Amino acid sequence: MLTAVMILAGMGLLMGGLLGFASQRLAVEENPVEVEIQAMLPGSQCGQCGYVGCGQAAAALARGEATVTLCPPGGKALAEALAKKLGIEADLSDHEEKGPEYAFIRADLCYGCTRCIPECNVDAIIGATKQMHDVIAELCHGCAKCVEVCPTVAIEMRPVPTTVTSWHWPKPEPLAAAH
């Protein structure tokens, strides 16, 4: 029995060493700009930008294939920061600033077709076939994918209400320069 334990331990050490060597030798170099851009993005993987996740969006931005206004959750502040990071000018005059939203399902219109459930990548929609569905608002990140597939228009986006736990003191206005 001791021999079997020693053989397994030896195999484990050998395989661990080989994996460590392979990770060093076969490492893929990442674009440092892409890594920095990905760190700036929200990381919610919501898909509102048209990419599968924030990693693909960052890669597209680094290659110059996407505009800096691609991230709705990031808003105008993120678009300005991305433009500054990439050293480009961003036209934000037509950018609509929206607050956080969540999906709301109207009970009188939902008949339980379940088309919305696979669209939710955070599993915020609960329900069953031929039963009314509901949204766990705390989990919903407001991507609105479920709104697009609902055949009865039972799902609508609503602003996240301000509560004691979500309220933030507004930032002070900068003082006017003394003349």
Protein backbone atom coordinates (compact mmCIF):
# COMPACT_ATOMS: atom_id res chain seq x y z
CA MET A 1 0.00 0.00 0.00
CA LEU A 2 2.85 2.38 0.79
CA THR A 3 4.31 1.66 -2.63
CA ALA A 4 1.04 2.64 -4.32
CA VAL A 5 0.88 5.92 -2.37
CA MET A 6 4.49 6.73 -3.28
CA ILE A 7 3.85 5.96 -6.96
CA LEU A 8 0.75 8.18 -7.02
CA ALA A 9 2.61 10.99 -5.23
CA GLY A 10 5.49 10.70 -7.69
CA MET A 11 3.11 10.78 -10.65
CA GLY A 12 1.40 13.83 -9.19
CA LEU A 13 4.70 15.67 -8.78
CA LEU A 14 5.81 14.71 -12.28
CA MET A 15 2.53 15.80 -13.89
CA GLY A 16 2.50 19.04 -11.87
CA GLY A 17 6.04 19.80 -13.00
CA LEU A 18 5.15 19.09 -16.62
CA LEU A 19 2.08 21.34 -16.43
CA GLY A 20 4.14 24.12 -14.85
CA PHE A 21 6.79 23.83 -17.56
CA ALA A 22 4.12 23.79 -20.29
CA SER A 23 2.41 26.88 -18.89
CA GLN A 24 5.72 28.76 -19.03
CA ARG A 25 6.86 27.43 -22.40
CA LEU A 26 3.49 27.60 -24.21
CA ALA A 27 2.24 30.88 -22.71
CA VAL A 28 0.40 33.15 -25.13
CA GLU A 29 1.44 36.80 -25.03
CA GLU A 30 -1.46 39.15 -24.38
CA ASN A 31 -1.82 42.61 -25.76
CA PRO A 32 -1.18 44.92 -22.76
CA VAL A 33 -3.63 47.53 -24.10
CA GLU A 34 -6.32 44.86 -24.34
CA VAL A 35 -5.69 43.81 -20.74
CA GLU A 36 -5.92 47.43 -19.54
CA ILE A 37 -9.13 48.05 -21.50
CA GLN A 38 -10.69 44.87 -20.10
CA ALA A 39 -9.88 46.07 -16.58
CA MET A 40 -11.73 49.33 -17.34
CA LEU A 41 -14.91 47.56 -18.54
CA PRO A 42 -17.60 46.64 -15.97
CA GLY A 43 -17.05 42.89 -16.29
CA SER A 44 -20.73 42.00 -16.12
CA GLN A 45 -20.53 39.97 -19.38
CA CYS A 46 -24.02 41.24 -20.26
CA GLY A 47 -23.60 41.29 -24.04
CA GLN A 48 -25.28 44.68 -24.53
CA CYS A 49 -22.29 45.74 -26.64
CA GLY A 50 -22.86 42.96 -29.17
CA TYR A 51 -19.90 40.86 -28.02
CA VAL A 52 -20.08 37.70 -25.95
CA GLY A 53 -18.25 39.24 -23.01
CA CYS A 54 -16.05 42.08 -21.87
CA GLY A 55 -12.93 40.22 -23.05
CA GLN A 56 -14.08 40.16 -26.67
CA ALA A 57 -15.22 43.78 -26.43
CA ALA A 58 -11.79 44.79 -25.10
CA ALA A 59 -10.07 42.91 -27.93
CA ALA A 60 -12.25 44.67 -30.52
CA LEU A 61 -11.53 48.05 -28.95
CA ALA A 62 -7.78 47.37 -28.90
CA ARG A 63 -7.86 46.40 -32.60
CA GLY A 64 -9.90 49.51 -33.46
CA GLU A 65 -12.91 47.48 -34.63
CA ALA A 66 -15.38 48.93 -32.12
CA THR A 67 -16.36 52.40 -30.94
CA VAL A 68 -15.68 53.60 -27.42
CA THR A 69 -19.42 54.00 -26.84
CA LEU A 70 -20.06 50.26 -27.12
CA CYS A 71 -20.72 49.66 -23.38
CA PRO A 72 -24.13 50.92 -22.22
CA PRO A 73 -23.59 50.00 -18.53
CA GLY A 74 -20.33 51.97 -18.49
CA GLY A 75 -22.04 55.12 -19.71
CA LYS A 76 -20.47 58.37 -20.80
CA ALA A 77 -17.72 58.25 -18.17
CA LEU A 78 -16.40 54.93 -19.47
CA ALA A 79 -16.59 56.11 -23.10
CA GLU A 80 -14.52 59.20 -22.21
CA ALA A 81 -11.98 57.09 -20.30
CA LEU A 82 -11.68 54.62 -23.19
CA ALA A 83 -11.20 57.45 -25.69
CA LYS A 84 -8.47 58.95 -23.52
CA LYS A 85 -6.80 55.54 -23.12
CA LEU A 86 -6.85 54.87 -26.86
CA GLY A 87 -5.86 58.44 -27.74
CA ILE A 88 -8.85 59.09 -29.97
CA GLU A 89 -11.62 61.65 -30.12
CA ALA A 90 -15.07 60.44 -29.17
CA ASP A 91 -18.25 62.17 -30.29
CA LEU A 92 -20.50 61.79 -27.26
CA SER A 93 -23.03 64.45 -28.26
CA ASP A 94 -25.72 61.91 -29.16
CA HIS A 95 -24.85 59.53 -26.31
CA GLU A 96 -27.91 58.86 -24.17
CA GLU A 97 -27.04 58.44 -20.50
CA LYS A 98 -29.29 55.89 -18.82
CA GLY A 99 -29.33 54.77 -15.26
CA PRO A 100 -29.33 51.11 -14.26
CA GLU A 101 -32.39 49.13 -15.31
CA TYR A 102 -33.87 45.72 -14.65
CA ALA A 103 -36.39 43.58 -16.49
CA PHE A 104 -39.95 43.46 -15.19
CA ILE A 105 -42.50 40.88 -16.39
CA ARG A 106 -46.14 41.93 -16.50
CA ALA A 107 -48.19 39.08 -15.08
CA ASP A 108 -51.27 39.83 -17.17
CA LEU A 109 -49.34 39.37 -20.45
CA CYS A 110 -47.01 36.45 -19.64
CA TYR A 111 -48.35 33.04 -20.63
CA GLY A 112 -45.20 31.01 -19.90
CA CYS A 113 -43.64 30.41 -23.30
CA THR A 114 -40.13 30.27 -21.66
CA ARG A 115 -38.41 32.03 -24.59
CA CYS A 116 -36.92 34.56 -22.17
CA ILE A 117 -35.29 32.04 -19.82
CA PRO A 118 -32.46 30.87 -22.15
CA GLU A 119 -31.67 34.50 -23.05
CA CYS A 120 -30.85 35.39 -19.43
CA ASN A 121 -27.19 34.60 -18.83
CA VAL A 122 -27.42 35.34 -15.10
CA ASP A 123 -30.51 33.17 -14.45
CA ALA A 124 -32.52 36.10 -13.11
CA ILE A 125 -35.76 34.85 -14.72
CA ILE A 126 -37.67 32.18 -12.87
CA GLY A 127 -40.71 30.26 -14.03
CA ALA A 128 -41.85 27.15 -15.87
CA THR A 129 -43.63 26.25 -19.08
CA LYS A 130 -47.20 27.57 -19.17
CA GLN A 131 -46.63 29.35 -15.86
CA MET A 132 -46.07 33.05 -15.28
CA HIS A 133 -42.44 34.08 -15.02
CA ASP A 134 -40.80 36.60 -12.74
CA VAL A 135 -37.45 38.38 -12.55
CA ILE A 136 -35.16 38.46 -9.53
CA ALA A 137 -34.34 42.17 -9.82
CA GLU A 138 -31.18 41.93 -7.70
CA LEU A 139 -29.66 39.48 -10.22
CA CYS A 140 -30.76 41.23 -13.42
CA HIS A 141 -28.05 43.38 -15.00
CA GLY A 142 -30.32 45.06 -17.51
CA CYS A 143 -29.12 43.61 -20.82
CA ALA A 144 -32.71 43.62 -22.22
CA LYS A 145 -32.14 40.44 -24.27
CA CYS A 146 -35.32 38.98 -22.81
CA VAL A 147 -37.36 41.98 -24.02
CA GLU A 148 -36.39 41.26 -27.62
CA VAL A 149 -37.59 37.62 -27.59
CA CYS A 150 -40.86 38.04 -25.66
CA PRO A 151 -43.73 37.42 -28.13
CA THR A 152 -46.37 39.08 -25.94
CA VAL A 153 -44.33 42.19 -25.01
CA ALA A 154 -44.79 41.23 -21.36
CA ILE A 155 -41.25 42.25 -20.41
CA GLU A 156 -40.30 45.88 -19.96
CA MET A 157 -37.20 47.58 -18.65
CA ARG A 158 -37.66 49.67 -15.53
CA PRO A 159 -35.19 51.89 -13.69
CA VAL A 160 -33.67 50.37 -10.58
CA PRO A 161 -35.38 52.11 -7.65
CA THR A 162 -33.22 54.03 -5.21
CA THR A 163 -33.27 52.39 -1.80
CA VAL A 164 -31.37 52.97 1.42
CA THR A 165 -28.75 50.41 0.37
CA SER A 166 -28.30 51.70 -3.20
CA TRP A 167 -28.43 55.47 -2.61
CA HIS A 168 -25.18 57.38 -2.97
CA TRP A 169 -24.42 60.91 -1.91
CA PRO A 170 -23.96 63.01 -5.05
CA LYS A 171 -20.49 64.26 -5.83
CA PRO A 172 -19.96 67.92 -5.01
CA GLU A 173 -19.85 70.39 -7.86
CA PRO A 174 -16.41 71.88 -8.55
CA LEU A 175 -15.93 75.37 -7.21
CA ALA A 176 -15.94 78.13 -9.79
CA ALA A 177 -12.50 79.66 -10.36
CA ALA A 178 -12.09 82.90 -8.43
CA HIS A 179 -11.50 85.93 -10.62
